[in-house]
Amino acid sequence: MKDVVEHIARSLVTQPDEVQVTASENDKLVNLELRTASEDMGKVIGKQGRIAKAIRTVLKAVATKEGKKANLDIM
C-alpha cells in the first residue's frame, strides 16, 4: 500500500525526491502519512481535494483487497 501511494505522489509532483510516505499498522488498520515539498502540496491535493480523494479511493481498494482498512493523511 505504501508503494502505491508513493508511486502516485511521485508522478504528480515536480520534486519527487521530497516525497515521503510513512506507514504504521495496528491489527487491520494501516495509517499512512504523505509528505511532500510545500510547493507540491497543491498538486497532490488538487482542486477541491479531488486528487487527494482519488488517491484515497485507490488506497482503500488496495487495502480492501488485502483485508485491511487504510487511512491517508497528507501533511
N, C-alpha and C. Protein backbone atom coordinates (compact mmCIF):
# COMPACT_ATOMS: atom_id res chain seq x y z
N MET A 1 0.83 -1.19 0.00
CA MET A 1 0.00 0.00 0.00
C MET A 1 0.87 1.25 0.00
N LYS A 2 1.92 1.22 0.79
CA LYS A 2 2.82 2.35 0.86
C LYS A 2 3.42 2.65 -0.51
N ASP A 3 3.79 1.60 -1.22
CA ASP A 3 4.41 1.76 -2.54
C ASP A 3 3.44 2.38 -3.54
N VAL A 4 2.18 2.02 -3.45
CA VAL A 4 1.17 2.55 -4.38
C VAL A 4 1.02 4.05 -4.19
N VAL A 5 0.89 4.49 -2.94
CA VAL A 5 0.73 5.92 -2.65
C VAL A 5 1.98 6.68 -3.05
N GLU A 6 3.14 6.11 -2.75
CA GLU A 6 4.39 6.77 -3.09
C GLU A 6 4.55 6.92 -4.61
N HIS A 7 4.20 5.90 -5.36
CA HIS A 7 4.30 5.95 -6.81
C HIS A 7 3.37 7.02 -7.40
N ILE A 8 2.14 7.07 -6.92
CA ILE A 8 1.18 8.06 -7.41
C ILE A 8 1.66 9.47 -7.10
N ALA A 9 2.11 9.69 -5.86
CA ALA A 9 2.55 11.02 -5.45
C ALA A 9 3.78 11.47 -6.23
N ARG A 10 4.73 10.57 -6.43
CA ARG A 10 5.95 10.93 -7.17
C ARG A 10 5.65 11.30 -8.62
N SER A 11 4.62 10.70 -9.19
CA SER A 11 4.29 11.02 -10.57
C SER A 11 3.57 12.36 -10.70
N LEU A 12 3.05 12.90 -9.60
CA LEU A 12 2.31 14.16 -9.64
C LEU A 12 3.18 15.39 -9.38
N VAL A 13 4.22 15.26 -8.59
CA VAL A 13 4.97 16.42 -8.12
C VAL A 13 6.16 16.75 -9.00
N THR A 14 6.71 17.96 -8.81
CA THR A 14 7.88 18.38 -9.56
C THR A 14 9.18 17.99 -8.85
N GLN A 15 9.10 17.72 -7.54
CA GLN A 15 10.27 17.29 -6.77
C GLN A 15 10.00 15.90 -6.18
N PRO A 16 10.11 14.85 -6.99
CA PRO A 16 9.77 13.51 -6.50
C PRO A 16 10.67 13.00 -5.38
N ASP A 17 11.88 13.55 -5.25
CA ASP A 17 12.78 13.11 -4.19
C ASP A 17 12.30 13.57 -2.81
N GLU A 18 11.44 14.56 -2.76
CA GLU A 18 10.93 15.09 -1.50
C GLU A 18 9.72 14.32 -0.97
N VAL A 19 9.21 13.38 -1.74
CA VAL A 19 8.02 12.62 -1.33
C VAL A 19 8.43 11.58 -0.29
N GLN A 20 7.72 11.58 0.85
CA GLN A 20 7.97 10.60 1.90
C GLN A 20 6.63 10.02 2.34
N VAL A 21 6.57 8.72 2.41
CA VAL A 21 5.37 8.04 2.89
C VAL A 21 5.79 7.15 4.06
N THR A 22 5.15 7.38 5.21
CA THR A 22 5.42 6.55 6.37
C THR A 22 4.15 5.78 6.72
N ALA A 23 4.33 4.56 7.16
CA ALA A 23 3.19 3.71 7.45
C ALA A 23 3.29 3.17 8.87
N SER A 24 2.16 3.10 9.54
CA SER A 24 2.06 2.43 10.83
C SER A 24 0.83 1.54 10.80
N GLU A 25 0.96 0.35 11.36
CA GLU A 25 -0.11 -0.63 11.24
C GLU A 25 -0.54 -1.12 12.62
N ASN A 26 -1.85 -1.13 12.84
CA ASN A 26 -2.46 -1.67 14.05
C ASN A 26 -3.52 -2.67 13.63
N ASP A 27 -3.34 -3.93 13.99
CA ASP A 27 -4.28 -5.00 13.63
C ASP A 27 -4.63 -4.94 12.15
N LYS A 28 -5.82 -4.47 11.83
CA LYS A 28 -6.24 -4.40 10.42
C LYS A 28 -6.33 -2.97 9.90
N LEU A 29 -5.78 -2.01 10.62
CA LEU A 29 -5.82 -0.61 10.21
C LEU A 29 -4.41 -0.14 9.87
N VAL A 30 -4.25 0.43 8.69
CA VAL A 30 -2.97 0.96 8.25
C VAL A 30 -3.10 2.47 8.11
N ASN A 31 -2.27 3.21 8.83
CA ASN A 31 -2.24 4.67 8.74
C ASN A 31 -1.02 5.08 7.92
N LEU A 32 -1.26 5.85 6.87
CA LEU A 32 -0.18 6.34 6.02
C LEU A 32 -0.12 7.86 6.10
N GLU A 33 1.10 8.38 6.16
CA GLU A 33 1.32 9.83 6.14
C GLU A 33 2.13 10.16 4.89
N LEU A 34 1.61 11.09 4.10
CA LEU A 34 2.28 11.52 2.87
C LEU A 34 2.81 12.93 3.08
N ARG A 35 4.10 13.08 2.88
CA ARG A 35 4.74 14.40 3.00
C ARG A 35 5.41 14.75 1.68
N THR A 36 5.21 16.00 1.25
CA THR A 36 5.83 16.48 0.02
C THR A 36 6.45 17.85 0.29
N ALA A 37 7.16 18.37 -0.70
CA ALA A 37 7.66 19.74 -0.60
C ALA A 37 6.45 20.68 -0.55
N SER A 38 6.59 21.79 0.11
CA SER A 38 5.45 22.69 0.31
C SER A 38 4.88 23.22 -1.01
N GLU A 39 5.73 23.44 -2.01
CA GLU A 39 5.23 23.94 -3.29
C GLU A 39 4.50 22.86 -4.10
N ASP A 40 4.69 21.59 -3.75
CA ASP A 40 4.00 20.50 -4.44
C ASP A 40 2.72 20.05 -3.73
N MET A 41 2.43 20.61 -2.59
CA MET A 41 1.27 20.20 -1.82
C MET A 41 -0.03 20.37 -2.60
N GLY A 42 -0.16 21.46 -3.32
CA GLY A 42 -1.37 21.71 -4.10
C GLY A 42 -1.56 20.70 -5.21
N LYS A 43 -0.47 20.21 -5.77
CA LYS A 43 -0.57 19.23 -6.85
C LYS A 43 -1.07 17.89 -6.32
N VAL A 44 -0.71 17.56 -5.10
CA VAL A 44 -1.15 16.29 -4.50
C VAL A 44 -2.60 16.39 -4.04
N ILE A 45 -2.99 17.55 -3.55
CA ILE A 45 -4.37 17.72 -3.06
C ILE A 45 -5.33 17.97 -4.22
N GLY A 46 -4.96 18.80 -5.16
CA GLY A 46 -5.82 19.07 -6.31
C GLY A 46 -6.90 20.07 -5.99
N LYS A 47 -7.62 20.49 -7.03
CA LYS A 47 -8.71 21.45 -6.84
C LYS A 47 -9.83 20.79 -6.06
N GLN A 48 -10.23 21.44 -5.00
CA GLN A 48 -11.28 20.97 -4.11
C GLN A 48 -11.00 19.57 -3.57
N GLY A 49 -9.73 19.19 -3.50
CA GLY A 49 -9.34 17.90 -2.94
C GLY A 49 -9.64 16.70 -3.80
N ARG A 50 -9.84 16.90 -5.08
CA ARG A 50 -10.21 15.79 -5.96
C ARG A 50 -9.11 14.76 -6.13
N ILE A 51 -7.87 15.21 -6.26
CA ILE A 51 -6.76 14.26 -6.44
C ILE A 51 -6.52 13.49 -5.14
N ALA A 52 -6.58 14.18 -4.01
CA ALA A 52 -6.42 13.51 -2.72
C ALA A 52 -7.51 12.46 -2.52
N LYS A 53 -8.71 12.79 -2.92
CA LYS A 53 -9.82 11.84 -2.80
C LYS A 53 -9.60 10.64 -3.69
N ALA A 54 -9.08 10.86 -4.90
CA ALA A 54 -8.81 9.76 -5.82
C ALA A 54 -7.70 8.86 -5.28
N ILE A 55 -6.66 9.44 -4.70
CA ILE A 55 -5.58 8.65 -4.10
C ILE A 55 -6.13 7.80 -2.96
N ARG A 56 -6.97 8.40 -2.13
CA ARG A 56 -7.57 7.65 -1.02
C ARG A 56 -8.46 6.52 -1.52
N THR A 57 -9.18 6.73 -2.62
CA THR A 57 -10.04 5.70 -3.18
C THR A 57 -9.20 4.52 -3.67
N VAL A 58 -8.11 4.79 -4.36
CA VAL A 58 -7.22 3.72 -4.81
C VAL A 58 -6.62 2.98 -3.62
N LEU A 59 -6.22 3.74 -2.61
CA LEU A 59 -5.64 3.14 -1.40
C LEU A 59 -6.64 2.22 -0.71
N LYS A 60 -7.87 2.66 -0.59
CA LYS A 60 -8.88 1.83 0.07
C LYS A 60 -9.19 0.58 -0.73
N ALA A 61 -9.11 0.67 -2.06
CA ALA A 61 -9.33 -0.52 -2.89
C ALA A 61 -8.22 -1.54 -2.66
N VAL A 62 -6.98 -1.08 -2.58
CA VAL A 62 -5.85 -1.97 -2.32
C VAL A 62 -5.97 -2.57 -0.93
N ALA A 63 -6.35 -1.76 0.04
CA ALA A 63 -6.48 -2.24 1.42
C ALA A 63 -7.59 -3.28 1.54
N THR A 64 -8.70 -3.05 0.87
CA THR A 64 -9.81 -4.00 0.90
C THR A 64 -9.39 -5.33 0.30
N LYS A 65 -8.61 -5.28 -0.74
CA LYS A 65 -8.13 -6.50 -1.39
C LYS A 65 -7.26 -7.31 -0.43
N GLU A 66 -6.53 -6.61 0.45
CA GLU A 66 -5.67 -7.28 1.43
C GLU A 66 -6.40 -7.58 2.74
N GLY A 67 -7.69 -7.22 2.82
CA GLY A 67 -8.47 -7.48 4.02
C GLY A 67 -8.19 -6.52 5.16
N LYS A 68 -7.79 -5.30 4.83
CA LYS A 68 -7.46 -4.29 5.84
C LYS A 68 -8.20 -3.00 5.54
N LYS A 69 -8.06 -2.05 6.45
CA LYS A 69 -8.58 -0.70 6.24
C LYS A 69 -7.39 0.24 6.22
N ALA A 70 -7.51 1.33 5.47
CA ALA A 70 -6.39 2.25 5.33
C ALA A 70 -6.87 3.69 5.49
N ASN A 71 -5.97 4.51 6.03
CA ASN A 71 -6.22 5.93 6.22
C ASN A 71 -5.01 6.69 5.70
N LEU A 72 -5.24 7.76 4.94
CA LEU A 72 -4.14 8.55 4.38
C LEU A 72 -4.23 9.98 4.89
N ASP A 73 -3.16 10.44 5.50
CA ASP A 73 -3.04 11.83 5.95
C ASP A 73 -2.00 12.52 5.07
N ILE A 74 -2.36 13.65 4.51
CA ILE A 74 -1.44 14.42 3.67
C ILE A 74 -0.92 15.58 4.50
N MET A 75 0.39 15.63 4.70
CA MET A 75 0.97 16.64 5.55
C MET A 75 1.86 17.56 4.76
